[in-house]
Amino acid sequence: MTIKGARSKKEKHITELHSLGVDASRTTELNDEHELAELADNIKQSMIHDYKVAYSHKGDELEKEAKSTLDH
């Protein structure tokens, strides 16, 4: 892979992180392409998990539990 190709992949991951609400503009040589890709993937997986919980029966149970604590 060329340096230009590696740079454009890194920029792609930085853009993806930015779209997820993460400011990755301050990268260092330690923030390589693999780390940025893993970070973006971990954030997306966390968001998917939160979405599934929120729109499942468990999410309904958590909402009821939260409301019951406010009623006291």
N, C-alpha and C. Protein backbone atom coordinates (compact mmCIF):
# COMPACT_ATOMS: atom_id res chain seq x y z
N MET A 1 0.85 -1.18 0.00
CA MET A 1 0.00 0.00 0.00
C MET A 1 0.88 1.23 0.00
N THR A 2 0.51 2.21 -0.74
CA THR A 2 1.28 3.44 -0.82
C THR A 2 0.99 4.31 0.40
N ILE A 3 1.86 5.26 0.60
CA ILE A 3 1.66 6.18 1.72
C ILE A 3 0.37 6.96 1.51
N LYS A 4 0.10 7.34 0.27
CA LYS A 4 -1.13 8.08 -0.03
C LYS A 4 -2.36 7.22 0.28
N GLY A 5 -2.31 5.93 -0.08
CA GLY A 5 -3.42 5.02 0.21
C GLY A 5 -3.64 4.85 1.69
N ALA A 6 -2.55 4.72 2.46
CA ALA A 6 -2.66 4.58 3.92
C ALA A 6 -3.22 5.85 4.54
N ARG A 7 -2.78 7.00 4.03
CA ARG A 7 -3.26 8.26 4.56
C ARG A 7 -4.76 8.42 4.29
N SER A 8 -5.20 8.05 3.08
CA SER A 8 -6.61 8.22 2.77
C SER A 8 -7.47 7.26 3.60
N LYS A 9 -6.97 6.06 3.91
CA LYS A 9 -7.73 5.14 4.77
C LYS A 9 -7.82 5.72 6.18
N LYS A 10 -6.71 6.29 6.66
CA LYS A 10 -6.71 6.89 7.99
C LYS A 10 -7.69 8.06 8.03
N GLU A 11 -7.68 8.87 6.98
CA GLU A 11 -8.61 10.00 6.92
C GLU A 11 -10.05 9.51 6.87
N LYS A 12 -10.29 8.40 6.20
CA LYS A 12 -11.64 7.82 6.14
C LYS A 12 -12.11 7.43 7.54
N HIS A 13 -11.21 6.81 8.33
CA HIS A 13 -11.58 6.41 9.68
C HIS A 13 -11.79 7.63 10.58
N ILE A 14 -10.99 8.66 10.39
CA ILE A 14 -11.17 9.89 11.18
C ILE A 14 -12.51 10.53 10.85
N THR A 15 -12.89 10.53 9.58
CA THR A 15 -14.18 11.07 9.17
C THR A 15 -15.32 10.24 9.77
N GLU A 16 -15.15 8.92 9.77
CA GLU A 16 -16.18 8.05 10.35
C GLU A 16 -16.33 8.31 11.84
N LEU A 17 -15.22 8.45 12.54
CA LEU A 17 -15.28 8.75 13.98
C LEU A 17 -15.96 10.10 14.21
N HIS A 18 -15.64 11.07 13.37
CA HIS A 18 -16.28 12.39 13.51
C HIS A 18 -17.79 12.27 13.35
N SER A 19 -18.24 11.43 12.41
CA SER A 19 -19.69 11.26 12.21
C SER A 19 -20.34 10.57 13.39
N LEU A 20 -19.53 9.85 14.20
CA LEU A 20 -20.05 9.21 15.40
C LEU A 20 -19.93 10.11 16.64
N GLY A 21 -19.44 11.34 16.44
CA GLY A 21 -19.35 12.29 17.53
C GLY A 21 -18.02 12.28 18.26
N VAL A 22 -16.99 11.68 17.66
CA VAL A 22 -15.67 11.59 18.29
C VAL A 22 -14.72 12.51 17.55
N ASP A 23 -14.05 13.38 18.30
CA ASP A 23 -13.07 14.27 17.68
C ASP A 23 -11.73 13.54 17.63
N ALA A 24 -11.40 13.05 16.47
CA ALA A 24 -10.14 12.32 16.29
C ALA A 24 -9.14 13.16 15.51
N SER A 25 -9.30 14.46 15.54
CA SER A 25 -8.40 15.32 14.77
C SER A 25 -7.01 15.39 15.39
N ARG A 26 -6.91 15.10 16.67
CA ARG A 26 -5.61 15.12 17.35
C ARG A 26 -5.04 13.72 17.39
N THR A 27 -4.62 13.23 16.27
CA THR A 27 -4.04 11.89 16.23
C THR A 27 -2.53 11.99 16.35
N THR A 28 -1.94 10.93 16.80
CA THR A 28 -0.49 10.83 16.90
C THR A 28 -0.04 9.65 16.08
N GLU A 29 1.25 9.43 16.09
CA GLU A 29 1.76 8.27 15.36
C GLU A 29 1.25 6.96 15.99
N LEU A 30 0.76 7.01 17.20
CA LEU A 30 0.21 5.82 17.85
C LEU A 30 -1.20 5.52 17.35
N ASN A 31 -1.88 6.51 16.81
CA ASN A 31 -3.22 6.32 16.28
C ASN A 31 -3.13 5.86 14.84
N ASP A 32 -2.75 4.60 14.67
CA ASP A 32 -2.62 4.11 13.30
C ASP A 32 -3.99 3.73 12.74
N GLU A 33 -3.99 3.34 11.50
CA GLU A 33 -5.23 3.01 10.80
C GLU A 33 -6.00 1.92 11.53
N HIS A 34 -5.32 0.91 12.02
CA HIS A 34 -5.98 -0.21 12.70
C HIS A 34 -6.67 0.26 13.99
N GLU A 35 -5.98 1.08 14.79
CA GLU A 35 -6.58 1.59 16.03
C GLU A 35 -7.82 2.43 15.76
N LEU A 36 -7.74 3.28 14.75
CA LEU A 36 -8.88 4.13 14.41
C LEU A 36 -10.06 3.29 13.93
N ALA A 37 -9.78 2.27 13.12
CA ALA A 37 -10.85 1.39 12.63
C ALA A 37 -11.49 0.63 13.79
N GLU A 38 -10.67 0.14 14.71
CA GLU A 38 -11.21 -0.59 15.87
C GLU A 38 -12.05 0.32 16.75
N LEU A 39 -11.61 1.54 16.96
CA LEU A 39 -12.36 2.49 17.78
C LEU A 39 -13.72 2.77 17.15
N ALA A 40 -13.74 3.02 15.85
CA ALA A 40 -15.00 3.27 15.16
C ALA A 40 -15.92 2.06 15.26
N ASP A 41 -15.37 0.86 15.08
CA ASP A 41 -16.17 -0.35 15.16
C ASP A 41 -16.73 -0.55 16.57
N ASN A 42 -15.91 -0.32 17.59
CA ASN A 42 -16.37 -0.48 18.97
C ASN A 42 -17.50 0.50 19.29
N ILE A 43 -17.38 1.73 18.83
CA ILE A 43 -18.43 2.72 19.08
C ILE A 43 -19.72 2.30 18.39
N LYS A 44 -19.62 1.85 17.13
CA LYS A 44 -20.81 1.41 16.40
C LYS A 44 -21.46 0.21 17.08
N GLN A 45 -20.67 -0.75 17.54
CA GLN A 45 -21.23 -1.92 18.22
C GLN A 45 -21.94 -1.51 19.51
N SER A 46 -21.36 -0.56 20.24
CA SER A 46 -21.98 -0.07 21.46
C SER A 46 -23.31 0.62 21.17
N MET A 47 -23.34 1.41 20.10
CA MET A 47 -24.57 2.11 19.73
C MET A 47 -25.65 1.11 19.29
N ILE A 48 -25.26 0.08 18.56
CA ILE A 48 -26.21 -0.95 18.14
C ILE A 48 -26.76 -1.68 19.36
N HIS A 49 -25.89 -2.00 20.31
CA HIS A 49 -26.33 -2.69 21.53
C HIS A 49 -27.32 -1.82 22.30
N ASP A 50 -26.99 -0.54 22.47
CA ASP A 50 -27.89 0.38 23.17
C ASP A 50 -29.24 0.48 22.47
N TYR A 51 -29.22 0.53 21.15
CA TYR A 51 -30.46 0.60 20.37
C TYR A 51 -31.30 -0.65 20.59
N LYS A 52 -30.66 -1.82 20.54
CA LYS A 52 -31.39 -3.07 20.72
C LYS A 52 -32.01 -3.15 22.12
N VAL A 53 -31.25 -2.72 23.13
CA VAL A 53 -31.79 -2.74 24.50
C VAL A 53 -32.96 -1.78 24.63
N ALA A 54 -32.81 -0.60 24.03
CA ALA A 54 -33.86 0.41 24.15
C ALA A 54 -35.16 -0.02 23.50
N TYR A 55 -35.08 -0.80 22.43
CA TYR A 55 -36.28 -1.18 21.71
C TYR A 55 -36.63 -2.65 21.89
N SER A 56 -36.22 -3.22 23.01
CA SER A 56 -36.57 -4.60 23.32
C SER A 56 -37.41 -4.62 24.59
N HIS A 57 -37.84 -5.79 24.98
CA HIS A 57 -38.61 -5.92 26.22
C HIS A 57 -37.76 -5.49 27.42
N LYS A 58 -36.46 -5.78 27.37
CA LYS A 58 -35.58 -5.37 28.46
C LYS A 58 -35.58 -3.85 28.56
N GLY A 59 -35.61 -3.17 27.42
CA GLY A 59 -35.68 -1.71 27.44
C GLY A 59 -36.96 -1.22 28.08
N ASP A 60 -38.07 -1.91 27.80
CA ASP A 60 -39.34 -1.55 28.42
C ASP A 60 -39.26 -1.73 29.93
N GLU A 61 -38.64 -2.84 30.36
CA GLU A 61 -38.50 -3.10 31.80
C GLU A 61 -37.64 -2.03 32.46
N LEU A 62 -36.56 -1.64 31.81
CA LEU A 62 -35.69 -0.60 32.38
C LEU A 62 -36.43 0.74 32.46
N GLU A 63 -37.25 1.03 31.46
CA GLU A 63 -38.03 2.27 31.49
C GLU A 63 -39.02 2.26 32.64
N LYS A 64 -39.71 1.12 32.84
CA LYS A 64 -40.67 1.01 33.94
C LYS A 64 -39.95 1.15 35.28
N GLU A 65 -38.79 0.53 35.40
CA GLU A 65 -38.03 0.62 36.65
C GLU A 65 -37.61 2.07 36.91
N ALA A 66 -37.16 2.75 35.88
CA ALA A 66 -36.76 4.14 36.05
C ALA A 66 -37.93 5.02 36.45
N LYS A 67 -39.06 4.81 35.83
CA LYS A 67 -40.25 5.61 36.17
C LYS A 67 -40.71 5.32 37.59
N SER A 68 -40.60 4.05 38.04
CA SER A 68 -41.05 3.70 39.39
C SER A 68 -40.19 4.38 40.44
N THR A 69 -38.91 4.60 40.16
CA THR A 69 -38.07 5.28 41.14
C THR A 69 -38.39 6.76 41.21
N LEU A 70 -38.94 7.31 40.15
CA LEU A 70 -39.31 8.73 40.16
C LEU A 70 -40.63 8.95 40.88
N ASP A 71 -41.46 7.91 40.94
CA ASP A 71 -42.78 8.04 41.56
C ASP A 71 -42.71 8.05 43.09
N HIS A 72 -41.58 7.66 43.65
CA HIS A 72 -41.49 7.59 45.12
C HIS A 72 -41.19 8.88 45.75
